[in-house]
Amino acid sequence: MIVRRVTGRGAVCPATPARTPATRRGRYAGRRAPRGLFGRAAVALLLLLTVCGCASSSSSSSSGTPADGASRDDDPARPERVRLPKPGMAFDYQLGGAYRPADRVRAVSRDRTDDPAPGRYNICYVNAFQTQPDKAVDWWRSHHPDLLLRDEDGELVIDEDWDEPLLDISTAHRRTALMKIVGPWIDGCAEDGFDAVEPDNLDSYQRSHALLGKQDAIAFARMLTARAHRAHLAVAQKNTAELLGDRSRTGFDFAVAEECGRYDECGQYGAAYRDRVFVIEYRQADLAPACEARDGRMSVVLRDRDLRPAGADGHVLRHC
């Protein structure tokens, strides 16, 4: 089934496959290889520089001047009406299909095509840096072929684990054009009553065969957070610990981190976002390390890799 969202402003967004266990799972479930000690040390150094006010990005942020020539429309400064999640909220990750949360659950992440859960802190999932697979790709090919990343032979650059073409965020012009599509999705999250947005695939530049760079991801993230903040939505950094030291430039407010217990990254996310971190683990063995990180102050959930709805065979939901 293809779902179309019509926002309150009358914009029709591209056809998006309804989420099923086959089309949306944890981004890193069974995919990511652990980084070496050097990678973890580099992230720790970036965090230390940022905390000390020594990172080069801090100077541009503290001066009030947008970084990288960004305009006022790119300013990710958080308005007062943005509601941040509380550390340690019991959490459920429902990207495989919405269902009634357990009574103890206070925060839920759902796809933007689903309704928010009443009485909870609601996070709206948006695939912001890649397309959805299947018929959604046809929509992009027909309407915006120039916004799909292509290699030197003109072939689409694909995230092969999910069969999702990467969006081309390599230039300011293309990023602006993409915001005309992704921006209304974010506005729709706010209009539907969500509290926050979770833009996925921030790390697409790492799968781009060097056609995209870290600075491209930061620049587009900055535009996403600025748009969300204007709609009074908080914004999650999705994975990508390598960018924790750049959060003054990206404007993220909290984090959604998959398998940080498995890869010993939870402490880094917790330190960066003052424990406003939603952790999803997919292996029982990784639940305890995640729960113990930061003295148990973060939100941690164990889910099945397919994120099956409650009542479905194989559904797993456990907390610390």
Protein backbone atom coordinates (compact mmCIF):
# COMPACT_ATOMS: atom_id res chain seq x y z
CA MET A 1 0.00 0.00 0.00
CA ILE A 2 1.26 3.48 -0.85
CA VAL A 3 0.55 6.26 1.61
CA ARG A 4 0.42 9.92 0.64
CA ARG A 5 0.54 12.63 3.26
CA VAL A 6 -1.24 15.87 2.50
CA THR A 7 -0.05 18.57 4.87
CA GLY A 8 -2.15 21.41 6.19
CA ARG A 9 -0.56 23.68 3.57
CA GLY A 10 -1.90 21.55 0.75
CA ALA A 11 1.43 20.13 -0.36
CA VAL A 12 1.40 16.55 -1.54
CA CYS A 13 4.48 14.64 -0.47
CA PRO A 14 5.96 11.77 -2.48
CA ALA A 15 4.39 8.37 -2.24
CA THR A 16 5.86 6.49 0.67
CA PRO A 17 5.48 2.76 1.28
CA ALA A 18 3.55 2.06 4.45
CA ARG A 19 5.93 0.76 7.08
CA THR A 20 6.08 -2.99 7.50
CA PRO A 21 8.79 -5.12 9.07
CA ALA A 22 10.16 -5.67 5.56
CA THR A 23 10.57 -1.98 4.74
CA ARG A 24 11.83 -0.34 7.91
CA ARG A 25 13.97 -1.75 10.67
CA GLY A 26 16.68 -0.45 12.91
CA ARG A 27 19.13 1.29 10.65
CA TYR A 28 22.15 -0.56 11.95
CA ALA A 29 20.57 -3.90 12.79
CA GLY A 30 23.21 -6.44 11.88
CA ARG A 31 25.05 -3.99 9.64
CA ARG A 32 27.53 -1.74 11.39
CA ALA A 33 31.05 -2.93 12.11
CA PRO A 34 32.59 -1.64 15.35
CA ARG A 35 35.07 1.17 15.02
CA GLY A 36 38.57 0.83 16.39
CA LEU A 37 40.05 2.57 19.36
CA PHE A 38 41.18 5.49 17.21
CA GLY A 39 37.61 6.24 16.14
CA ARG A 40 36.34 6.25 19.72
CA ALA A 41 39.25 8.38 20.85
CA ALA A 42 38.57 10.90 18.09
CA VAL A 43 34.94 11.25 19.15
CA ALA A 44 35.98 11.68 22.77
CA LEU A 45 38.47 14.40 21.77
CA LEU A 46 35.79 16.26 19.82
CA LEU A 47 33.49 16.17 22.83
CA LEU A 48 36.25 17.46 25.10
CA LEU A 49 37.04 20.33 22.73
CA THR A 50 33.38 21.27 22.50
CA VAL A 51 32.85 21.22 26.27
CA CYS A 52 35.96 23.35 26.76
CA GLY A 53 34.83 25.83 24.11
CA CYS A 54 37.94 25.10 22.01
CA ALA A 55 36.36 23.60 18.92
CA SER A 56 36.48 25.86 15.89
CA SER A 57 32.73 25.49 15.35
CA SER A 58 32.00 26.91 18.80
CA SER A 59 33.33 30.34 17.94
CA SER A 60 30.94 30.83 15.03
CA SER A 61 28.01 29.59 17.09
CA SER A 62 28.72 31.74 20.14
CA SER A 63 29.16 34.86 18.01
CA GLY A 64 25.62 34.53 16.70
CA THR A 65 26.89 34.35 13.11
CA PRO A 66 25.60 31.35 11.16
CA ALA A 67 28.39 28.94 10.22
CA ASP A 68 29.42 28.23 6.62
CA GLY A 69 27.61 31.26 5.27
CA ALA A 70 24.22 30.01 6.46
CA SER A 71 21.36 32.49 6.30
CA ARG A 72 18.84 33.26 9.01
CA ASP A 73 16.67 30.51 7.56
CA ASP A 74 19.45 28.08 8.47
CA ASP A 75 19.81 29.25 12.07
CA PRO A 76 19.09 26.17 14.22
CA ALA A 77 18.73 28.15 17.47
CA ARG A 78 16.12 26.46 19.63
CA PRO A 79 13.03 28.58 20.47
CA GLU A 80 11.59 28.47 23.96
CA ARG A 81 8.48 26.56 22.89
CA VAL A 82 10.46 23.50 21.82
CA ARG A 83 9.79 20.71 24.31
CA LEU A 84 12.77 18.51 25.09
CA PRO A 85 12.43 14.90 26.29
CA LYS A 86 13.31 14.12 29.88
CA PRO A 87 16.26 11.79 30.50
CA GLY A 88 15.28 8.24 31.37
CA MET A 89 11.75 8.23 29.96
CA ALA A 90 10.54 4.68 29.28
CA PHE A 91 10.61 4.41 25.50
CA ASP A 92 9.22 2.32 22.63
CA TYR A 93 10.49 2.27 19.06
CA GLN A 94 7.49 1.58 16.79
CA LEU A 95 8.79 2.06 13.25
CA GLY A 96 7.54 -1.39 12.20
CA GLY A 97 3.94 -0.38 12.90
CA ALA A 98 2.09 1.66 15.52
CA TYR A 99 0.36 0.00 18.48
CA ARG A 100 -0.85 1.05 21.91
CA PRO A 101 2.18 1.68 24.14
CA ALA A 102 2.55 -0.12 27.44
CA ASP A 103 1.39 1.90 30.44
CA ARG A 104 4.94 2.58 31.63
CA VAL A 105 6.07 3.92 28.24
CA ARG A 106 6.27 7.71 28.20
CA ALA A 107 7.99 8.31 24.83
CA VAL A 108 7.34 6.74 21.43
CA SER A 109 8.99 7.03 18.01
CA ARG A 110 6.70 6.40 15.03
CA ASP A 111 6.80 6.91 11.29
CA ARG A 112 5.52 10.26 10.05
CA THR A 113 2.62 8.47 8.31
CA ASP A 114 1.34 7.20 11.69
CA ASP A 115 -0.54 9.20 14.32
CA PRO A 116 1.19 10.22 17.56
CA ALA A 117 0.40 8.25 20.72
CA PRO A 118 -1.92 10.17 23.07
CA GLY A 119 -0.36 11.31 26.32
CA ARG A 120 3.22 10.46 25.33
CA TYR A 121 6.28 12.33 24.13
CA ASN A 122 6.06 11.62 20.40
CA ILE A 123 8.99 11.47 17.99
CA CYS A 124 8.28 11.60 14.24
CA TYR A 125 10.52 9.47 12.01
CA VAL A 126 11.52 11.05 8.68
CA ASN A 127 13.89 9.47 6.16
CA ALA A 128 15.63 12.76 5.37
CA PHE A 129 18.92 11.80 3.73
CA GLN A 130 17.78 8.85 1.56
CA THR A 131 14.64 7.86 -0.29
CA GLN A 132 12.34 5.05 0.68
CA PRO A 133 12.65 1.96 -1.56
CA ASP A 134 10.40 0.64 -4.32
CA LYS A 135 7.70 2.98 -5.66
CA ALA A 136 9.03 5.98 -3.77
CA VAL A 137 12.17 5.74 -5.91
CA ASP A 138 9.99 5.95 -9.02
CA TRP A 139 8.47 9.17 -7.68
CA TRP A 140 11.89 10.72 -7.17
CA ARG A 141 13.05 9.59 -10.62
CA SER A 142 9.99 11.14 -12.24
CA HIS A 143 9.81 14.40 -10.29
CA HIS A 144 13.31 15.16 -9.00
CA PRO A 145 15.92 13.04 -10.79
CA ASP A 146 18.54 15.73 -10.20
CA LEU A 147 18.21 15.35 -6.42
CA LEU A 148 19.27 11.70 -6.39
CA LEU A 149 22.98 11.11 -5.88
CA ARG A 150 24.67 9.57 -8.92
CA ASP A 151 28.12 8.21 -9.56
CA GLU A 152 30.41 9.18 -12.45
CA ASP A 153 28.51 6.79 -14.72
CA GLY A 154 25.18 8.39 -13.89
CA GLU A 155 24.01 5.42 -11.82
CA LEU A 156 22.17 5.93 -8.54
CA VAL A 157 24.23 5.54 -5.39
CA ILE A 158 22.34 3.00 -3.29
CA ASP A 159 22.37 2.07 0.38
CA GLU A 160 22.45 -1.62 -0.48
CA ASP A 161 21.37 -2.82 2.96
CA TRP A 162 18.02 -1.07 2.54
CA ASP A 163 17.84 -0.61 -1.24
CA GLU A 164 17.49 3.14 -0.68
CA PRO A 165 19.04 5.67 -3.09
CA LEU A 166 20.95 8.47 -1.40
CA LEU A 167 19.73 12.04 -1.78
CA ASP A 168 22.22 14.50 -3.26
CA ILE A 169 23.10 17.01 -0.54
CA SER A 170 26.41 17.97 -2.16
CA THR A 171 25.59 21.60 -2.99
CA ALA A 172 23.69 24.45 -1.35
CA HIS A 173 21.35 24.57 -4.36
CA ARG A 174 20.42 20.90 -4.05
CA ARG A 175 20.02 21.12 -0.28
CA THR A 176 17.63 24.04 -0.72
CA ALA A 177 15.66 22.09 -3.32
CA LEU A 178 15.47 19.06 -1.03
CA MET A 179 14.14 21.21 1.81
CA LYS A 180 11.15 22.09 -0.38
CA ILE A 181 10.26 18.40 -0.19
CA VAL A 182 11.47 17.31 3.24
CA GLY A 183 10.48 20.58 4.94
CA PRO A 184 6.72 19.97 4.52
CA TRP A 185 7.18 16.49 6.00
CA ILE A 186 8.62 18.13 9.11
CA ASP A 187 5.80 20.67 9.17
CA GLY A 188 3.36 17.77 8.89
CA CYS A 189 4.87 16.17 11.99
CA ALA A 190 4.16 19.36 13.93
CA GLU A 191 0.65 19.71 12.54
CA ASP A 192 -0.13 16.12 13.52
CA GLY A 193 0.87 16.76 17.12
CA PHE A 194 4.36 15.26 17.39
CA ASP A 195 6.84 16.77 19.84
CA ALA A 196 10.04 16.00 17.97
CA VAL A 197 11.44 14.74 14.69
CA GLU A 198 14.00 11.99 14.00
CA PRO A 199 15.71 12.63 10.62
CA ASP A 200 17.28 9.33 9.59
CA ASN A 201 20.43 8.51 7.61
CA LEU A 202 22.52 11.43 8.80
CA ASP A 203 25.46 9.14 8.05
CA SER A 204 24.62 8.71 4.36
CA TYR A 205 27.85 10.48 3.43
CA GLN A 206 29.72 7.46 4.80
CA ARG A 207 28.02 5.29 2.13
CA SER A 208 28.41 7.77 -0.74
CA HIS A 209 31.75 6.52 -2.10
CA ALA A 210 33.25 9.91 -1.21
CA LEU A 211 30.70 11.81 -3.33
CA LEU A 212 29.37 13.44 -0.15
CA GLY A 213 31.31 14.73 2.81
CA LYS A 214 30.82 15.40 6.50
CA GLN A 215 30.31 19.11 5.84
CA ASP A 216 27.45 18.34 3.45
CA ALA A 217 25.71 16.33 6.16
CA ILE A 218 26.23 19.10 8.73
CA ALA A 219 24.89 21.76 6.37
CA PHE A 220 21.73 19.79 5.56
CA ALA A 221 21.23 18.82 9.20
CA ARG A 222 21.39 22.50 10.10
CA MET A 223 18.61 23.25 7.63
CA LEU A 224 16.49 20.40 9.01
CA THR A 225 16.87 21.52 12.62
CA ALA A 226 16.13 25.13 11.73
CA ARG A 227 12.92 24.08 9.97
CA ALA A 228 11.89 21.84 12.87
CA HIS A 229 12.63 24.48 15.49
CA ARG A 230 10.48 27.01 13.63
CA ALA A 231 7.68 24.44 13.90
CA HIS A 232 8.47 24.09 17.63
CA LEU A 233 9.79 20.55 17.28
CA ALA A 234 12.86 19.18 19.01
CA VAL A 235 15.26 17.30 16.72
CA ALA A 236 17.16 14.06 17.32
CA GLN A 237 20.64 13.25 16.12
CA LYS A 238 20.21 9.76 14.69
CA ASN A 239 23.33 7.67 15.32
CA THR A 240 26.58 8.99 13.75
CA ALA A 241 28.72 9.48 16.85
CA GLU A 242 31.34 11.05 14.60
CA LEU A 243 29.22 14.23 14.51
CA LEU A 244 28.68 14.60 18.26
CA GLY A 245 31.38 17.25 18.42
CA ASP A 246 29.57 19.29 15.75
CA ARG A 247 26.23 19.57 17.50
CA SER A 248 26.59 23.34 17.99
CA ARG A 249 26.52 23.55 14.19
CA THR A 250 23.88 20.90 13.49
CA GLY A 251 21.50 22.16 16.17
CA PHE A 252 20.33 18.75 17.39
CA ASP A 253 18.61 18.65 20.80
CA PHE A 254 18.83 14.99 21.82
CA ALA A 255 19.85 11.66 20.31
CA VAL A 256 18.38 8.40 19.07
CA ALA A 257 21.21 5.87 19.18
CA GLU A 258 20.96 2.32 17.89
CA GLU A 259 23.26 -0.32 19.39
CA CYS A 260 25.44 2.11 21.32
CA GLY A 261 25.66 -0.52 24.07
CA ARG A 262 26.99 -3.02 21.57
CA TYR A 263 29.65 -0.62 20.29
CA ASP A 264 30.47 1.14 23.58
CA GLU A 265 29.18 4.54 22.45
CA CYS A 266 26.34 5.22 24.90
CA GLY A 267 28.52 7.27 27.23
CA GLN A 268 29.52 9.55 24.37
CA TYR A 269 25.91 10.26 23.43
CA GLY A 270 24.92 10.74 27.06
CA ALA A 271 27.72 13.22 27.72
CA ALA A 272 26.89 15.19 24.58
CA TYR A 273 23.15 15.45 25.23
CA ARG A 274 22.98 15.42 29.03
CA ASP A 275 21.42 11.95 28.98
CA ARG A 276 18.59 12.97 26.66
CA VAL A 277 19.27 9.84 24.63
CA PHE A 278 16.92 7.10 23.41
CA VAL A 279 18.90 3.88 23.03
CA ILE A 280 17.68 0.92 20.98
CA GLU A 281 19.46 -2.42 21.32
CA TYR A 282 18.66 -5.51 19.26
CA ARG A 283 20.62 -8.18 21.16
CA GLN A 284 19.87 -9.29 24.72
CA ALA A 285 23.59 -9.30 25.54
CA ASP A 286 23.82 -5.57 24.77
CA LEU A 287 20.93 -4.49 27.00
CA ALA A 288 22.88 -4.55 30.27
CA PRO A 289 25.82 -2.43 29.02
CA ALA A 290 23.39 0.14 27.64
CA CYS A 291 21.39 0.21 30.87
CA GLU A 292 24.54 0.66 32.95
CA ALA A 293 25.94 3.52 30.87
CA ARG A 294 25.74 6.96 32.48
CA ASP A 295 24.51 5.33 35.71
CA GLY A 296 21.24 4.32 34.08
CA ARG A 297 20.06 7.85 33.34
CA MET A 298 19.27 7.32 29.64
CA SER A 299 16.21 5.75 27.99
CA VAL A 300 16.98 2.21 26.84
CA VAL A 301 14.81 -0.34 25.06
CA LEU A 302 15.47 -3.81 23.64
CA ARG A 303 13.55 -4.43 20.41
CA ASP A 304 13.42 -7.18 17.83
CA ARG A 305 15.35 -6.31 14.69
CA ASP A 306 12.20 -6.09 12.56
CA LEU A 307 10.46 -3.80 15.08
CA ARG A 308 7.32 -5.91 14.92
CA PRO A 309 4.11 -4.53 16.45
CA ALA A 310 2.81 -5.91 19.73
CA GLY A 311 0.99 -9.20 19.20
CA ALA A 312 3.04 -10.17 16.15
CA ASP A 313 5.23 -13.26 16.24
CA GLY A 314 8.75 -12.35 17.28
CA HIS A 315 7.82 -9.05 18.93
CA VAL A 316 10.34 -8.11 21.63
CA LEU A 317 10.09 -5.16 24.01
CA ARG A 318 12.14 -4.97 27.20
CA HIS A 319 13.42 -2.14 29.35
CA CYS A 320 16.15 -1.88 31.95
